[in-house]
Amino acid sequence: MAAFAAKLLAGLSSRYSYRFLFIPGTIGSITWLARNETTVDRIKAVLVLACLGDEGAPTYKRSRSGNARIDQIVAHILKSRGGAPRIVEFSPYGYDERQYCSPGFDLPVGCLMRTPNGQYSEYHTSADNLELVRPESLADSLALVLSVLDVLENDRAYLNLNPKGEPQLGKRGLYRAMGGLRDAGFDEMAMLWVLNLSDGHHRLLDIAERSGYPFDVVQRTATVLVEHGLLAELSAKQ
């Protein structure tokens, strides 16, 4: 699944650079950290991928800090899918996240799984084989990872260019009765939230979390508001 994600990403123009590590567990991550210790401070977000092919629901394990950007992104995506998201707190046991999150590094690393290690009866037995892996689960896991990448690439901060009072939207064709905004995937309330919180301090994901709208709705709304001269992008790559 990670190989498919890397292949898809390689064909796209991206704002950030990405590195996929295909390494043996534990010793591989420790060795990689030892060889790259002087540059790991450049890392913005990391996902450890494990147990992503079984029939269980997606589970996310938070980073050591518990409030890293990757934690916010994955939690938002899982909540947007509906139902009760399975989000667990960090513990120093599991996969390579415990190496990346050791106190000497404390990197922004979470772990995306379906059924966590040790929580299905076949784990570490001869029954832990390819019959457990479901194509539809792999496809769903891949979609989750791509959603994470999409938010990372598009989560930016904007500035409302008409911040003193609510701008006149009707003359710009931005009311639903005039523009059919629901058909475009957003509505007036999404616009009002984006305009109100685009103060240079809130990123689009912050607005999505505060408003309750999915990230893609907030992103589309911001794009239209930029096109109509009501917003300007502020954030550089950060």
C-alpha atoms as a PDB file:
ATOM      1  CA  MET A   1       0.000   0.000   0.000  1.00  0.00           C
ATOM      2  CA  ALA A   2       2.851   2.387   0.805  1.00  0.00           C
ATOM      3  CA  ALA A   3       4.434   1.530  -2.541  1.00  0.00           C
ATOM      4  CA  PHE A   4       1.193   2.455  -4.331  1.00  0.00           C
ATOM      5  CA  ALA A   5       1.021   5.736  -2.406  1.00  0.00           C
ATOM      6  CA  ALA A   6       4.628   6.539  -3.316  1.00  0.00           C
ATOM      7  CA  LYS A   7       3.989   5.752  -6.975  1.00  0.00           C
ATOM      8  CA  LEU A   8       0.909   7.988  -7.078  1.00  0.00           C
ATOM      9  CA  LEU A   9       2.692  10.810  -5.282  1.00  0.00           C
ATOM     10  CA  ALA A  10       5.688  10.611  -7.619  1.00  0.00           C
ATOM     11  CA  GLY A  11       3.472  11.629 -10.530  1.00  0.00           C
ATOM     12  CA  LEU A  12       2.206  14.785  -8.836  1.00  0.00           C
ATOM     13  CA  SER A  13       3.614  18.260  -8.337  1.00  0.00           C
ATOM     14  CA  SER A  14       3.797  18.746  -4.560  1.00  0.00           C
ATOM     15  CA  ARG A  15       4.463  21.609  -2.178  1.00  0.00           C
ATOM     16  CA  TYR A  16       6.453  19.423   0.206  1.00  0.00           C
ATOM     17  CA  SER A  17       9.014  16.709  -0.359  1.00  0.00           C
ATOM     18  CA  TYR A  18       8.193  13.212   0.887  1.00  0.00           C
ATOM     19  CA  ARG A  19      10.267  10.240   1.938  1.00  0.00           C
ATOM     20  CA  PHE A  20       9.002   6.662   2.118  1.00  0.00           C
ATOM     21  CA  LEU A  21      11.034   4.307   4.305  1.00  0.00           C
ATOM     22  CA  PHE A  22      10.964   0.588   3.541  1.00  0.00           C
ATOM     23  CA  ILE A  23      12.994  -0.783   6.446  1.00  0.00           C
ATOM     24  CA  PRO A  24      12.961  -3.662   8.932  1.00  0.00           C
ATOM     25  CA  GLY A  25      11.057  -2.895  12.103  1.00  0.00           C
ATOM     26  CA  THR A  26      12.842  -1.347  15.093  1.00  0.00           C
ATOM     27  CA  ILE A  27      16.447  -1.780  13.990  1.00  0.00           C
ATOM     28  CA  GLY A  28      15.635  -0.105  10.672  1.00  0.00           C
ATOM     29  CA  SER A  29      14.146   3.023  12.227  1.00  0.00           C
ATOM     30  CA  ILE A  30      16.896   3.247  14.847  1.00  0.00           C
ATOM     31  CA  THR A  31      19.550   2.986  12.124  1.00  0.00           C
ATOM     32  CA  TRP A  32      17.786   5.589   9.947  1.00  0.00           C
ATOM     33  CA  LEU A  33      17.562   7.992  12.893  1.00  0.00           C
ATOM     34  CA  ALA A  34      21.240   7.496  13.709  1.00  0.00           C
ATOM     35  CA  ARG A  35      22.226   8.276  10.115  1.00  0.00           C
ATOM     36  CA  ASN A  36      19.939  11.309   9.796  1.00  0.00           C
ATOM     37  CA  GLU A  37      20.059  12.804  13.284  1.00  0.00           C
ATOM     38  CA  THR A  38      21.299  16.199  12.093  1.00  0.00           C
ATOM     39  CA  THR A  39      18.417  16.738   9.651  1.00  0.00           C
ATOM     40  CA  VAL A  40      15.346  15.272  11.351  1.00  0.00           C
ATOM     41  CA  ASP A  41      14.368  18.740  12.589  1.00  0.00           C
ATOM     42  CA  ARG A  42      13.106  19.401   9.044  1.00  0.00           C
ATOM     43  CA  ILE A  43      10.384  16.790   9.408  1.00  0.00           C
ATOM     44  CA  LYS A  44       6.849  18.199   9.542  1.00  0.00           C
ATOM     45  CA  ALA A  45       4.711  15.055   9.764  1.00  0.00           C
ATOM     46  CA  VAL A  46       5.170  11.282   9.712  1.00  0.00           C
ATOM     47  CA  LEU A  47       2.827   8.314   9.473  1.00  0.00           C
ATOM     48  CA  VAL A  48       3.904   4.822  10.416  1.00  0.00           C
ATOM     49  CA  LEU A  49       1.756   2.385   8.417  1.00  0.00           C
ATOM     50  CA  ALA A  50       0.961  -0.994   9.947  1.00  0.00           C
ATOM     51  CA  CYS A  51      -1.735  -3.696   9.790  1.00  0.00           C
ATOM     52  CA  LEU A  52      -3.723  -1.888   7.099  1.00  0.00           C
ATOM     53  CA  GLY A  53      -5.211  -4.817   5.222  1.00  0.00           C
ATOM     54  CA  ASP A  54      -7.548  -6.571   7.659  1.00  0.00           C
ATOM     55  CA  GLU A  55     -11.298  -6.032   7.990  1.00  0.00           C
ATOM     56  CA  GLY A  56     -11.062  -3.861  11.100  1.00  0.00           C
ATOM     57  CA  ALA A  57     -11.980  -0.177  11.138  1.00  0.00           C
ATOM     58  CA  PRO A  58      -9.164   2.369  10.791  1.00  0.00           C
ATOM     59  CA  THR A  59      -7.338   3.201  14.023  1.00  0.00           C
ATOM     60  CA  TYR A  60      -4.969   6.096  14.629  1.00  0.00           C
ATOM     61  CA  LYS A  61      -2.385   6.278  17.406  1.00  0.00           C
ATOM     62  CA  ARG A  62      -1.361   9.815  18.335  1.00  0.00           C
ATOM     63  CA  SER A  63       2.182  11.122  18.481  1.00  0.00           C
ATOM     64  CA  ARG A  64       4.064  11.451  21.770  1.00  0.00           C
ATOM     65  CA  SER A  65       3.087  15.126  22.066  1.00  0.00           C
ATOM     66  CA  GLY A  66      -0.550  14.287  21.269  1.00  0.00           C
ATOM     67  CA  ASN A  67      -1.139  17.560  19.433  1.00  0.00           C
ATOM     68  CA  ALA A  68       1.141  17.393  16.415  1.00  0.00           C
ATOM     69  CA  ARG A  69      -0.151  18.561  13.063  1.00  0.00           C
ATOM     70  CA  ILE A  70      -0.375  14.962  11.858  1.00  0.00           C
ATOM     71  CA  ASP A  71      -2.610  14.181  14.871  1.00  0.00           C
ATOM     72  CA  GLN A  72      -4.991  16.993  13.939  1.00  0.00           C
ATOM     73  CA  ILE A  73      -5.088  15.994  10.277  1.00  0.00           C
ATOM     74  CA  VAL A  74      -5.813  12.296  10.762  1.00  0.00           C
ATOM     75  CA  ALA A  75      -8.355  12.915  13.531  1.00  0.00           C
ATOM     76  CA  HIS A  76     -10.237  15.361  11.314  1.00  0.00           C
ATOM     77  CA  ILE A  77     -10.281  12.954   8.364  1.00  0.00           C
ATOM     78  CA  LEU A  78     -11.517  10.069  10.490  1.00  0.00           C
ATOM     79  CA  LYS A  79     -14.248  12.223  12.055  1.00  0.00           C
ATOM     80  CA  SER A  80     -15.331  13.438   8.614  1.00  0.00           C
ATOM     81  CA  ARG A  81     -15.910   9.835   7.540  1.00  0.00           C
ATOM     82  CA  GLY A  82     -18.722   9.506  10.083  1.00  0.00           C
ATOM     83  CA  GLY A  83     -19.137   7.199  13.025  1.00  0.00           C
ATOM     84  CA  ALA A  84     -16.926   7.164  16.097  1.00  0.00           C
ATOM     85  CA  PRO A  85     -13.277   7.545  15.042  1.00  0.00           C
ATOM     86  CA  ARG A  86     -10.899   5.078  16.656  1.00  0.00           C
ATOM     87  CA  ILE A  87      -8.133   7.300  18.022  1.00  0.00           C
ATOM     88  CA  VAL A  88      -5.829   6.036  20.747  1.00  0.00           C
ATOM     89  CA  GLU A  89      -3.260   7.907  22.784  1.00  0.00           C
ATOM     90  CA  PHE A  90       0.457   7.381  22.451  1.00  0.00           C
ATOM     91  CA  SER A  91       2.164   4.602  24.363  1.00  0.00           C
ATOM     92  CA  PRO A  92       5.835   3.544  24.145  1.00  0.00           C
ATOM     93  CA  TYR A  93       4.834   0.158  22.748  1.00  0.00           C
ATOM     94  CA  GLY A  94       3.902  -0.753  19.203  1.00  0.00           C
ATOM     95  CA  TYR A  95       5.732  -0.148  15.937  1.00  0.00           C
ATOM     96  CA  ASP A  96       8.458   2.206  14.780  1.00  0.00           C
ATOM     97  CA  GLU A  97       6.608   5.258  16.091  1.00  0.00           C
ATOM     98  CA  ARG A  98       8.085   4.478  19.510  1.00  0.00           C
ATOM     99  CA  GLN A  99      11.587   4.980  18.076  1.00  0.00           C
ATOM    100  CA  TYR A 100      10.765   8.223  16.264  1.00  0.00           C
ATOM    101  CA  CYS A 101       8.925   9.442  19.377  1.00  0.00           C
ATOM    102  CA  SER A 102      11.710   8.577  21.809  1.00  0.00           C
ATOM    103  CA  PRO A 103      12.505  11.618  23.998  1.00  0.00           C
ATOM    104  CA  GLY A 104      15.770  12.380  22.218  1.00  0.00           C
ATOM    105  CA  PHE A 105      13.865  12.935  18.950  1.00  0.00           C
ATOM    106  CA  ASP A 106      10.171  13.441  19.854  1.00  0.00           C
ATOM    107  CA  LEU A 107       9.200  13.710  16.203  1.00  0.00           C
ATOM    108  CA  PRO A 108       5.617  14.414  14.997  1.00  0.00           C
ATOM    109  CA  VAL A 109       4.875  10.768  14.257  1.00  0.00           C
ATOM    110  CA  GLY A 110       1.557   8.943  14.443  1.00  0.00           C
ATOM    111  CA  CYS A 111       0.635   5.405  13.484  1.00  0.00           C
ATOM    112  CA  LEU A 112      -2.209   4.480  11.134  1.00  0.00           C
ATOM    113  CA  MET A 113      -3.586   0.964  11.492  1.00  0.00           C
ATOM    114  CA  ARG A 114      -6.764  -0.995  11.157  1.00  0.00           C
ATOM    115  CA  THR A 115      -6.873  -3.639  13.908  1.00  0.00           C
ATOM    116  CA  PRO A 116      -3.902  -2.783  16.175  1.00  0.00           C
ATOM    117  CA  ASN A 117      -1.148  -5.268  16.860  1.00  0.00           C
ATOM    118  CA  GLY A 118      -2.073  -7.947  19.355  1.00  0.00           C
ATOM    119  CA  GLN A 119      -5.800  -7.198  19.143  1.00  0.00           C
ATOM    120  CA  TYR A 120      -6.743  -9.915  16.666  1.00  0.00           C
ATOM    121  CA  SER A 121      -6.410 -13.604  17.450  1.00  0.00           C
ATOM    122  CA  GLU A 122      -4.220 -14.420  14.453  1.00  0.00           C
ATOM    123  CA  TYR A 123      -1.482 -11.945  15.442  1.00  0.00           C
ATOM    124  CA  HIS A 124       1.965 -13.564  15.525  1.00  0.00           C
ATOM    125  CA  THR A 125       0.563 -16.988  14.680  1.00  0.00           C
ATOM    126  CA  SER A 126       0.688 -19.073  11.511  1.00  0.00           C
ATOM    127  CA  ALA A 127      -2.852 -17.865  10.796  1.00  0.00           C
ATOM    128  CA  ASP A 128      -1.509 -14.309  10.362  1.00  0.00           C
ATOM    129  CA  ASN A 129      -1.299 -14.711   6.591  1.00  0.00           C
ATOM    130  CA  LEU A 130      -2.470 -13.187   3.319  1.00  0.00           C
ATOM    131  CA  GLU A 131      -5.981 -14.581   3.754  1.00  0.00           C
ATOM    132  CA  LEU A 132      -6.485 -11.844   6.352  1.00  0.00           C
ATOM    133  CA  VAL A 133      -5.689  -9.121   3.843  1.00  0.00           C
ATOM    134  CA  ARG A 134      -8.733  -7.745   2.054  1.00  0.00           C
ATOM    135  CA  PRO A 135      -8.350  -5.722  -1.175  1.00  0.00           C
ATOM    136  CA  GLU A 136     -11.162  -3.387  -0.122  1.00  0.00           C
ATOM    137  CA  SER A 137      -9.386  -2.697   3.183  1.00  0.00           C
ATOM    138  CA  LEU A 138      -6.131  -1.889   1.405  1.00  0.00           C
ATOM    139  CA  ALA A 139      -7.997   0.420  -0.977  1.00  0.00           C
ATOM    140  CA  ASP A 140      -9.702   2.187   1.920  1.00  0.00           C
ATOM    141  CA  SER A 141      -6.388   2.536   3.758  1.00  0.00           C
ATOM    142  CA  LEU A 142      -4.772   3.969   0.643  1.00  0.00           C
ATOM    143  CA  ALA A 143      -7.615   6.484   0.317  1.00  0.00           C
ATOM    144  CA  LEU A 144      -7.001   7.543   3.920  1.00  0.00           C
ATOM    145  CA  VAL A 145      -3.304   8.100   3.325  1.00  0.00           C
ATOM    146  CA  LEU A 146      -4.017  10.092   0.163  1.00  0.00           C
ATOM    147  CA  SER A 147      -6.503  12.206   2.116  1.00  0.00           C
ATOM    148  CA  VAL A 148      -3.788  12.952   4.665  1.00  0.00           C
ATOM    149  CA  LEU A 149      -1.425  14.013   1.879  1.00  0.00           C
ATOM    150  CA  ASP A 150      -4.137  16.181   0.353  1.00  0.00           C
ATOM    151  CA  VAL A 151      -4.677  18.053   3.619  1.00  0.00           C
ATOM    152  CA  LEU A 152      -0.925  18.481   4.152  1.00  0.00           C
ATOM    153  CA  GLU A 153      -0.561  19.955   0.682  1.00  0.00           C
ATOM    154  CA  ASN A 154      -3.555  22.295   0.866  1.00  0.00           C
ATOM    155  CA  ASP A 155      -3.727  23.390   4.502  1.00  0.00           C
ATOM    156  CA  ARG A 156      -2.797  27.073   4.299  1.00  0.00           C
ATOM    157  CA  ALA A 157      -3.535  30.347   6.032  1.00  0.00           C
ATOM    158  CA  TYR A 158      -5.452  33.173   4.382  1.00  0.00           C
ATOM    159  CA  LEU A 159      -6.216  36.800   5.131  1.00  0.00           C
ATOM    160  CA  ASN A 160      -9.676  38.312   4.771  1.00  0.00           C
ATOM    161  CA  LEU A 161      -9.227  41.373   2.549  1.00  0.00           C
ATOM    162  CA  ASN A 162     -12.525  42.889   3.774  1.00  0.00           C
ATOM    163  CA  PRO A 163     -12.276  42.176   7.506  1.00  0.00           C
ATOM    164  CA  LYS A 164     -14.346  45.082   8.869  1.00  0.00           C
ATOM    165  CA  GLY A 165     -17.849  43.697   8.713  1.00  0.00           C
ATOM    166  CA  GLU A 166     -19.316  41.063   6.439  1.00  0.00           C
ATOM    167  CA  PRO A 167     -18.569  41.717   2.739  1.00  0.00           C
ATOM    168  CA  GLN A 168     -21.451  42.075   0.286  1.00  0.00           C
ATOM    169  CA  LEU A 169     -21.702  38.613  -1.250  1.00  0.00           C
ATOM    170  CA  GLY A 170     -24.791  39.044  -3.396  1.00  0.00           C
ATOM    171  CA  LYS A 171     -23.194  41.393  -5.903  1.00  0.00           C
ATOM    172  CA  ARG A 172     -20.439  38.838  -6.381  1.00  0.00           C
ATOM    173  CA  GLY A 173     -22.917  36.056  -7.145  1.00  0.00           C
ATOM    174  CA  LEU A 174     -21.964  34.214  -3.975  1.00  0.00           C
ATOM    175  CA  TYR A 175     -25.401  33.624  -2.485  1.00  0.00           C
ATOM    176  CA  ARG A 176     -26.943  30.211  -3.031  1.00  0.00           C
ATOM    177  CA  ALA A 177     -30.016  31.635  -4.800  1.00  0.00           C
ATOM    178  CA  MET A 178     -27.743  33.233  -7.377  1.00  0.00           C
ATOM    179  CA  GLY A 179     -24.822  30.865  -7.556  1.00  0.00           C
ATOM    180  CA  GLY A 180     -26.150  27.391  -6.747  1.00  0.00           C
ATOM    181  CA  LEU A 181     -23.418  26.994  -4.161  1.00  0.00           C
ATOM    182  CA  ARG A 182     -24.569  23.663  -2.758  1.00  0.00           C
ATOM    183  CA  ASP A 183     -24.025  22.177  -6.184  1.00  0.00           C
ATOM    184  CA  ALA A 184     -20.475  23.505  -5.998  1.00  0.00           C
ATOM    185  CA  GLY A 185     -19.921  21.638  -2.728  1.00  0.00           C
ATOM    186  CA  PHE A 186     -20.252  24.473  -0.206  1.00  0.00           C
ATOM    187  CA  ASP A 187     -22.733  27.073   1.043  1.00  0.00           C
ATOM    188  CA  GLU A 188     -23.022  30.520   2.587  1.00  0.00           C
ATOM    189  CA  MET A 189     -22.227  29.300   6.098  1.00  0.00           C
ATOM    190  CA  ALA A 190     -18.981  27.769   4.876  1.00  0.00           C
ATOM    191  CA  MET A 191     -18.117  31.126   3.301  1.00  0.00           C
ATOM    192  CA  LEU A 192     -18.929  33.014   6.478  1.00  0.00           C
ATOM    193  CA  TRP A 193     -16.761  30.695   8.557  1.00  0.00           C
ATOM    194  CA  VAL A 194     -13.825  30.984   6.156  1.00  0.00           C
ATOM    195  CA  LEU A 195     -14.125  34.775   5.974  1.00  0.00           C
ATOM    196  CA  ASN A 196     -14.427  35.149   9.743  1.00  0.00           C
ATOM    197  CA  LEU A 197     -11.460  32.945  10.660  1.00  0.00           C
ATOM    198  CA  SER A 198      -9.147  33.971   7.828  1.00  0.00           C
ATOM    199  CA  ASP A 199      -7.175  36.325  10.041  1.00  0.00           C
ATOM    200  CA  GLY A 200      -3.715  35.059   9.173  1.00  0.00           C
ATOM    201  CA  HIS A 201      -3.576  32.914  12.322  1.00  0.00           C
ATOM    202  CA  HIS A 202      -6.013  30.117  11.440  1.00  0.00           C
ATOM    203  CA  ARG A 203      -5.196  27.579   8.756  1.00  0.00           C
ATOM    204  CA  LEU A 204      -7.907  25.897   6.696  1.00  0.00           C
ATOM    205  CA  LEU A 205      -7.807  22.803   8.894  1.00  0.00           C
ATOM    206  CA  ASP A 206      -8.387  24.975  11.967  1.00  0.00           C
ATOM    207  CA  ILE A 207     -11.425  26.445  10.226  1.00  0.00           C
ATOM    208  CA  ALA A 208     -12.700  22.991   9.288  1.00  0.00           C
ATOM    209  CA  GLU A 209     -12.373  21.831  12.882  1.00  0.00           C
ATOM    210  CA  ARG A 210     -14.076  24.919  14.305  1.00  0.00           C
ATOM    211  CA  SER A 211     -16.913  25.019  11.764  1.00  0.00           C
ATOM    212  CA  GLY A 212     -17.603  21.299  11.523  1.00  0.00           C
ATOM    213  CA  TYR A 213     -17.222  21.329   7.731  1.00  0.00           C
ATOM    214  CA  PRO A 214     -15.012  18.715   6.027  1.00  0.00           C
ATOM    215  CA  PHE A 215     -11.620  20.026   4.949  1.00  0.00           C
ATOM    216  CA  ASP A 216     -12.357  19.693   1.229  1.00  0.00           C
ATOM    217  CA  VAL A 217     -15.443  21.913   1.607  1.00  0.00           C
ATOM    218  CA  VAL A 218     -13.418  24.590   3.400  1.00  0.00           C
ATOM    219  CA  GLN A 219     -10.678  24.368   0.799  1.00  0.00           C
ATOM    220  CA  ARG A 220     -13.110  24.769  -2.119  1.00  0.00           C
ATOM    221  CA  THR A 221     -14.730  27.705  -0.348  1.00  0.00           C
ATOM    222  CA  ALA A 222     -11.386  29.452   0.162  1.00  0.00           C
ATOM    223  CA  THR A 223     -10.484  28.940  -3.495  1.00  0.00           C
ATOM    224  CA  VAL A 224     -13.700  30.639  -4.641  1.00  0.00           C
ATOM    225  CA  LEU A 225     -13.225  33.511  -2.202  1.00  0.00           C
ATOM    226  CA  VAL A 226      -9.696  34.066  -3.506  1.00  0.00           C
ATOM    227  CA  GLU A 227     -11.035  34.099  -7.054  1.00  0.00           C
ATOM    228  CA  HIS A 228     -13.517  36.813  -6.034  1.00  0.00           C
ATOM    229  CA  GLY A 229     -10.866  38.981  -4.396  1.00  0.00           C
ATOM    230  CA  LEU A 230     -12.048  38.418  -0.829  1.00  0.00           C
ATOM    231  CA  LEU A 231      -9.105  36.362   0.459  1.00  0.00           C
ATOM    232  CA  ALA A 232      -5.351  36.307  -0.062  1.00  0.00           C
ATOM    233  CA  GLU A 233      -3.088  33.401   0.799  1.00  0.00           C
ATOM    234  CA  LEU A 234      -0.554  34.172   3.517  1.00  0.00           C
ATOM    235  CA  SER A 235       1.248  30.978   4.381  1.00  0.00           C
ATOM    236  CA  ALA A 236       4.517  30.060   2.843  1.00  0.00           C
ATOM    237  CA  LYS A 237       5.651  26.437   3.123  1.00  0.00           C
ATOM    238  CA  GLN A 238       5.678  25.670   6.828  1.00  0.00           C
END
